[in-house]
C-alpha atoms as a PDB file:
ATOM      1  CA  UNK A   1     -25.600  55.002 -15.710  1.00  0.00           C
ATOM      2  CA  UNK A   2     -23.483  52.498 -14.332  1.00  0.00           C
ATOM      3  CA  UNK A   3     -20.023  51.350 -15.315  1.00  0.00           C
ATOM      4  CA  UNK A   4     -20.336  47.963 -13.921  1.00  0.00           C
ATOM      5  CA  UNK A   5     -20.846  45.587 -16.722  1.00  0.00           C
ATOM      6  CA  UNK A   6     -23.951  43.593 -16.430  1.00  0.00           C
ATOM      7  CA  UNK A   7     -23.768  40.772 -19.049  1.00  0.00           C
ATOM      8  CA  UNK A   8     -20.770  38.065 -19.468  1.00  0.00           C
ATOM      9  CA  UNK A   9     -19.850  39.719 -23.102  1.00  0.00           C
ATOM     10  CA  UNK A  10     -19.615  43.081 -21.271  1.00  0.00           C
ATOM     11  CA  UNK A  11     -17.327  41.700 -18.442  1.00  0.00           C
ATOM     12  CA  UNK A  12     -15.388  40.185 -21.002  1.00  0.00           C
ATOM     13  CA  UNK A  13     -14.707  43.336 -22.930  1.00  0.00           C
ATOM     14  CA  UNK A  14     -14.473  45.295 -19.378  1.00  0.00           C
ATOM     15  CA  UNK A  15     -11.882  43.119 -18.304  1.00  0.00           C
ATOM     16  CA  UNK A  16     -10.060  42.942 -21.514  1.00  0.00           C
ATOM     17  CA  UNK A  17      -9.606  46.608 -21.602  1.00  0.00           C
ATOM     18  CA  UNK A  18      -8.201  46.572 -17.946  1.00  0.00           C
ATOM     19  CA  UNK A  19      -5.951  43.860 -18.834  1.00  0.00           C
ATOM     20  CA  UNK A  20      -4.563  45.657 -21.830  1.00  0.00           C
ATOM     21  CA  UNK A  21      -4.065  48.735 -19.978  1.00  0.00           C
ATOM     22  CA  UNK A  22      -1.841  47.180 -17.297  1.00  0.00           C
ATOM     23  CA  UNK A  23       0.122  45.278 -20.099  1.00  0.00           C
ATOM     24  CA  UNK A  24       0.623  48.779 -21.927  1.00  0.00           C
ATOM     25  CA  UNK A  25       1.616  50.328 -18.745  1.00  0.00           C
ATOM     26  CA  UNK A  26       4.141  47.412 -18.100  1.00  0.00           C
ATOM     27  CA  UNK A  27       5.461  47.865 -21.737  1.00  0.00           C
ATOM     28  CA  UNK A  28       5.875  51.513 -21.103  1.00  0.00           C
ATOM     29  CA  UNK A  29       7.783  50.876 -17.710  1.00  0.00           C
ATOM     30  CA  UNK A  30      10.013  48.347 -19.567  1.00  0.00           C
ATOM     31  CA  UNK A  31      10.785  50.889 -22.473  1.00  0.00           C
ATOM     32  CA  UNK A  32      11.906  53.318 -19.842  1.00  0.00           C
ATOM     33  CA  UNK A  33      14.054  50.874 -18.099  1.00  0.00           C
ATOM     34  CA  UNK A  34      15.845  49.985 -21.328  1.00  0.00           C
ATOM     35  CA  UNK A  35      16.465  53.587 -22.280  1.00  0.00           C
ATOM     36  CA  UNK A  36      17.962  54.663 -18.837  1.00  0.00           C
ATOM     37  CA  UNK A  37      21.547  54.071 -17.910  1.00  0.00           C
ATOM     38  CA  UNK A  38      24.604  52.709 -19.608  1.00  0.00           C
ATOM     39  CA  UNK A  39      26.134  49.339 -19.930  1.00  0.00           C
ATOM     40  CA  UNK A  40      24.627  45.661 -20.389  1.00  0.00           C
ATOM     41  CA  UNK A  41      20.974  45.898 -19.878  1.00  0.00           C
ATOM     42  CA  UNK A  42      18.668  42.822 -20.031  1.00  0.00           C
ATOM     43  CA  UNK A  43      15.744  42.912 -22.715  1.00  0.00           C
ATOM     44  CA  UNK A  44      12.844  43.351 -20.556  1.00  0.00           C
ATOM     45  CA  UNK A  45      10.502  42.838 -23.497  1.00  0.00           C
ATOM     46  CA  UNK A  46      11.378  39.346 -23.968  1.00  0.00           C
ATOM     47  CA  UNK A  47      10.067  37.599 -20.759  1.00  0.00           C
ATOM     48  CA  UNK A  48       7.305  40.010 -20.722  1.00  0.00           C
ATOM     49  CA  UNK A  49       6.170  39.214 -24.092  1.00  0.00           C
ATOM     50  CA  UNK A  50       6.453  35.457 -23.521  1.00  0.00           C
ATOM     51  CA  UNK A  51       4.237  36.147 -20.181  1.00  0.00           C
ATOM     52  CA  UNK A  52       1.635  37.842 -21.907  1.00  0.00           C
ATOM     53  CA  UNK A  53       1.436  35.666 -24.987  1.00  0.00           C
ATOM     54  CA  UNK A  54       0.984  32.667 -22.752  1.00  0.00           C
ATOM     55  CA  UNK A  55      -2.740  33.377 -22.598  1.00  0.00           C
ATOM     56  CA  UNK A  56      -3.518  35.330 -25.787  1.00  0.00           C
ATOM     57  CA  UNK A  57      -4.108  34.512 -29.436  1.00  0.00           C
ATOM     58  CA  UNK A  58      -1.602  34.273 -32.272  1.00  0.00           C
ATOM     59  CA  UNK A  59      -2.797  37.731 -34.068  1.00  0.00           C
ATOM     60  CA  UNK A  60      -2.693  39.429 -30.863  1.00  0.00           C
ATOM     61  CA  UNK A  61       0.813  38.060 -29.987  1.00  0.00           C
ATOM     62  CA  UNK A  62       2.009  39.118 -33.450  1.00  0.00           C
ATOM     63  CA  UNK A  63       1.088  42.595 -33.070  1.00  0.00           C
ATOM     64  CA  UNK A  64       2.524  42.868 -29.352  1.00  0.00           C
ATOM     65  CA  UNK A  65       5.928  41.378 -30.549  1.00  0.00           C
ATOM     66  CA  UNK A  66       5.962  43.862 -33.863  1.00  0.00           C
ATOM     67  CA  UNK A  67       5.267  46.784 -31.311  1.00  0.00           C
ATOM     68  CA  UNK A  68       7.819  45.621 -28.781  1.00  0.00           C
ATOM     69  CA  UNK A  69      10.405  44.919 -31.527  1.00  0.00           C
ATOM     70  CA  UNK A  70      10.267  48.402 -32.881  1.00  0.00           C
ATOM     71  CA  UNK A  71      10.371  49.748 -29.412  1.00  0.00           C
ATOM     72  CA  UNK A  72      13.701  47.677 -28.902  1.00  0.00           C
ATOM     73  CA  UNK A  73      15.110  48.865 -32.157  1.00  0.00           C
ATOM     74  CA  UNK A  74      14.401  52.483 -31.047  1.00  0.00           C
ATOM     75  CA  UNK A  75      16.274  51.919 -27.551  1.00  0.00           C
ATOM     76  CA  UNK A  76      19.186  50.438 -28.873  1.00  0.00           C
ATOM     77  CA  UNK A  77      19.442  52.495 -32.023  1.00  0.00           C
ATOM     78  CA  UNK A  78      19.719  49.646 -34.397  1.00  0.00           C
ATOM     79  CA  UNK A  79      20.494  50.674 -37.858  1.00  0.00           C
ATOM     80  CA  UNK A  80      18.125  48.236 -39.656  1.00  0.00           C
ATOM     81  CA  UNK A  81      14.664  49.467 -38.179  1.00  0.00           C
ATOM     82  CA  UNK A  82      12.299  46.524 -37.962  1.00  0.00           C
ATOM     83  CA  UNK A  83      14.937  43.805 -37.483  1.00  0.00           C
ATOM     84  CA  UNK A  84      13.893  43.047 -33.817  1.00  0.00           C
ATOM     85  CA  UNK A  85      10.266  43.501 -34.804  1.00  0.00           C
ATOM     86  CA  UNK A  86      10.598  40.281 -37.065  1.00  0.00           C
ATOM     87  CA  UNK A  87      12.245  38.179 -34.232  1.00  0.00           C
ATOM     88  CA  UNK A  88       9.965  39.304 -31.674  1.00  0.00           C
ATOM     89  CA  UNK A  89       6.941  38.486 -33.820  1.00  0.00           C
ATOM     90  CA  UNK A  90       8.168  35.152 -34.313  1.00  0.00           C
ATOM     91  CA  UNK A  91       8.982  34.836 -30.506  1.00  0.00           C
ATOM     92  CA  UNK A  92       5.677  35.836 -29.435  1.00  0.00           C
ATOM     93  CA  UNK A  93       3.777  33.775 -32.076  1.00  0.00           C
ATOM     94  CA  UNK A  94       6.042  30.674 -31.110  1.00  0.00           C
ATOM     95  CA  UNK A  95       5.603  30.995 -27.520  1.00  0.00           C
ATOM     96  CA  UNK A  96       1.718  31.416 -28.032  1.00  0.00           C
ATOM     97  CA  UNK A  97       1.930  28.030 -29.918  1.00  0.00           C
ATOM     98  CA  UNK A  98       4.273  26.377 -27.438  1.00  0.00           C
ATOM     99  CA  UNK A  99       2.370  27.094 -24.365  1.00  0.00           C
ATOM    100  CA  UNK A 100      -0.990  26.279 -26.073  1.00  0.00           C
ATOM    101  CA  UNK A 101       0.170  22.847 -27.401  1.00  0.00           C
ATOM    102  CA  UNK A 102       3.249  21.711 -25.719  1.00  0.00           C
ATOM    103  CA  UNK A 103       4.154  23.323 -22.573  1.00  0.00           C
ATOM    104  CA  UNK A 104       2.362  24.026 -19.040  1.00  0.00           C
ATOM    105  CA  UNK A 105       1.961  27.693 -18.015  1.00  0.00           C
ATOM    106  CA  UNK A 106       4.354  27.756 -14.961  1.00  0.00           C
ATOM    107  CA  UNK A 107       7.531  29.699 -14.017  1.00  0.00           C
ATOM    108  CA  UNK A 108      10.061  26.938 -15.136  1.00  0.00           C
ATOM    109  CA  UNK A 109       8.806  27.026 -18.652  1.00  0.00           C
ATOM    110  CA  UNK A 110       8.720  30.727 -18.904  1.00  0.00           C
ATOM    111  CA  UNK A 111      12.454  30.873 -17.538  1.00  0.00           C
ATOM    112  CA  UNK A 112      13.463  28.062 -20.377  1.00  0.00           C
ATOM    113  CA  UNK A 113      11.595  29.633 -23.217  1.00  0.00           C
ATOM    114  CA  UNK A 114      13.155  32.978 -22.213  1.00  0.00           C
ATOM    115  CA  UNK A 115      16.698  31.673 -22.158  1.00  0.00           C
ATOM    116  CA  UNK A 116      16.067  30.030 -25.446  1.00  0.00           C
ATOM    117  CA  UNK A 117      14.417  33.245 -27.076  1.00  0.00           C
ATOM    118  CA  UNK A 118      17.013  35.493 -25.678  1.00  0.00           C
ATOM    119  CA  UNK A 119      19.966  33.274 -26.831  1.00  0.00           C
ATOM    120  CA  UNK A 120      18.403  33.038 -30.500  1.00  0.00           C
ATOM    121  CA  UNK A 121      17.747  37.057 -30.433  1.00  0.00           C
ATOM    122  CA  UNK A 122      21.518  37.640 -29.170  1.00  0.00           C
ATOM    123  CA  UNK A 123      22.759  35.231 -31.569  1.00  0.00           C
ATOM    124  CA  UNK A 124      21.112  36.682 -34.744  1.00  0.00           C
ATOM    125  CA  UNK A 125      21.895  40.090 -33.550  1.00  0.00           C
ATOM    126  CA  UNK A 126      25.585  39.200 -33.108  1.00  0.00           C
ATOM    127  CA  UNK A 127      25.653  37.523 -36.513  1.00  0.00           C
ATOM    128  CA  UNK A 128      23.819  40.199 -38.674  1.00  0.00           C
ATOM    129  CA  UNK A 129      25.501  43.132 -36.787  1.00  0.00           C
ATOM    130  CA  UNK A 130      28.928  42.125 -36.201  1.00  0.00           C
ATOM    131  CA  UNK A 131      30.363  38.639 -37.364  1.00  0.00           C
ATOM    132  CA  UNK A 132      28.809  39.278 -40.831  1.00  0.00           C
ATOM    133  CA  UNK A 133      30.743  42.387 -41.615  1.00  0.00           C
ATOM    134  CA  UNK A 134      34.159  40.697 -39.924  1.00  0.00           C
ATOM    135  CA  UNK A 135      34.627  43.561 -37.611  1.00  0.00           C
ATOM    136  CA  UNK A 136      37.597  43.542 -35.261  1.00  0.00           C
ATOM    137  CA  UNK A 137      37.083  42.406 -31.760  1.00  0.00           C
ATOM    138  CA  UNK A 138      33.548  40.534 -32.550  1.00  0.00           C
ATOM    139  CA  UNK A 139      34.339  37.762 -29.777  1.00  0.00           C
ATOM    140  CA  UNK A 140      34.441  40.705 -27.183  1.00  0.00           C
ATOM    141  CA  UNK A 141      31.248  41.771 -28.177  1.00  0.00           C
ATOM    142  CA  UNK A 142      29.526  38.340 -27.686  1.00  0.00           C
ATOM    143  CA  UNK A 143      31.509  37.239 -24.568  1.00  0.00           C
ATOM    144  CA  UNK A 144      31.302  40.788 -22.974  1.00  0.00           C
ATOM    145  CA  UNK A 145      27.810  42.111 -24.311  1.00  0.00           C
ATOM    146  CA  UNK A 146      25.504  39.311 -25.629  1.00  0.00           C
ATOM    147  CA  UNK A 147      26.387  36.661 -22.892  1.00  0.00           C
ATOM    148  CA  UNK A 148      25.726  39.017 -19.858  1.00  0.00           C
ATOM    149  CA  UNK A 149      22.574  40.320 -21.639  1.00  0.00           C
ATOM    150  CA  UNK A 150      21.260  36.942 -21.895  1.00  0.00           C
ATOM    151  CA  UNK A 151      21.954  36.076 -18.270  1.00  0.00           C
ATOM    152  CA  UNK A 152      20.314  39.147 -17.164  1.00  0.00           C
ATOM    153  CA  UNK A 153      17.195  38.615 -19.168  1.00  0.00           C
ATOM    154  CA  UNK A 154      16.726  35.063 -17.812  1.00  0.00           C
ATOM    155  CA  UNK A 155      17.171  36.329 -14.271  1.00  0.00           C
ATOM    156  CA  UNK A 156      14.408  38.892 -14.523  1.00  0.00           C
ATOM    157  CA  UNK A 157      11.946  36.273 -16.282  1.00  0.00           C
ATOM    158  CA  UNK A 158      10.620  35.038 -13.032  1.00  0.00           C
ATOM    159  CA  UNK A 159       9.961  38.720 -12.177  1.00  0.00           C
ATOM    160  CA  UNK A 160       7.902  39.122 -15.158  1.00  0.00           C
ATOM    161  CA  UNK A 161       5.986  35.932 -14.456  1.00  0.00           C
ATOM    162  CA  UNK A 162       5.184  37.009 -10.812  1.00  0.00           C
ATOM    163  CA  UNK A 163       3.836  40.266 -12.068  1.00  0.00           C
ATOM    164  CA  UNK A 164       1.779  38.977 -15.090  1.00  0.00           C
ATOM    165  CA  UNK A 165       0.292  35.963 -13.468  1.00  0.00           C
ATOM    166  CA  UNK A 166      -1.997  37.892 -11.060  1.00  0.00           C
ATOM    167  CA  UNK A 167      -3.159  40.110 -13.863  1.00  0.00           C
ATOM    168  CA  UNK A 168      -4.250  37.157 -16.003  1.00  0.00           C
ATOM    169  CA  UNK A 169      -5.853  35.162 -13.032  1.00  0.00           C
ATOM    170  CA  UNK A 170      -7.928  38.211 -11.916  1.00  0.00           C
ATOM    171  CA  UNK A 171      -8.654  40.041 -15.373  1.00  0.00           C
ATOM    172  CA  UNK A 172      -8.782  37.018 -17.869  1.00  0.00           C
ATOM    173  CA  UNK A 173     -12.357  35.704 -18.649  1.00  0.00           C
ATOM    174  CA  UNK A 174     -13.227  32.251 -17.344  1.00  0.00           C
ATOM    175  CA  UNK A 175     -14.159  29.376 -19.423  1.00  0.00           C
ATOM    176  CA  UNK A 176     -17.982  29.425 -20.029  1.00  0.00           C
ATOM    177  CA  UNK A 177     -19.725  26.268 -18.857  1.00  0.00           C
ATOM    178  CA  UNK A 178     -21.491  23.704 -21.221  1.00  0.00           C
ATOM    179  CA  UNK A 179     -25.050  23.013 -20.890  1.00  0.00           C
ATOM    180  CA  UNK A 180     -24.158  19.697 -19.522  1.00  0.00           C
ATOM    181  CA  UNK A 181     -21.869  21.029 -16.659  1.00  0.00           C
ATOM    182  CA  UNK A 182     -24.645  23.723 -15.988  1.00  0.00           C
ATOM    183  CA  UNK A 183     -27.064  21.079 -15.487  1.00  0.00           C
ATOM    184  CA  UNK A 184     -25.003  18.682 -13.105  1.00  0.00           C
ATOM    185  CA  UNK A 185     -26.180  19.304  -9.617  1.00  0.00           C
END
């Protein structure tokens, strides 16, 4: 029995399995990078999820955002487990809708959307974990931790786009031709 797909549906399923296996590997590598070392690190999942969600549907993006948000909460040791998950679901579904209706799928738009989403994520994180409780030195937290994290995350967004773009180009199904297009000579 051959593993090579024969029909269009089998090819779509085959390529979807390969594509998602690569995506899961990238998420695994990003989780390892977030858990190693000390100091300010970028949030690898935001540009990675934005690049993956450019071509996926809303439900797939919501599941991806939820899982990645839970991994972020675990990596950073958040007291409110699920906080990042809610934000990442909104980021992933929003990026899917933006790329489907308003934006072209290019690197500049990925960088801009990553910058906006990372800024919103860090602002909400700062507000709900530091400013809301009126801790001493909350300005230090924002200026010395949140702002470098935003900059580092924006700097790695082209790398995420460069990694995900060939995966999508190779393993995403091509649009099926209509009868009129197939009948043209």
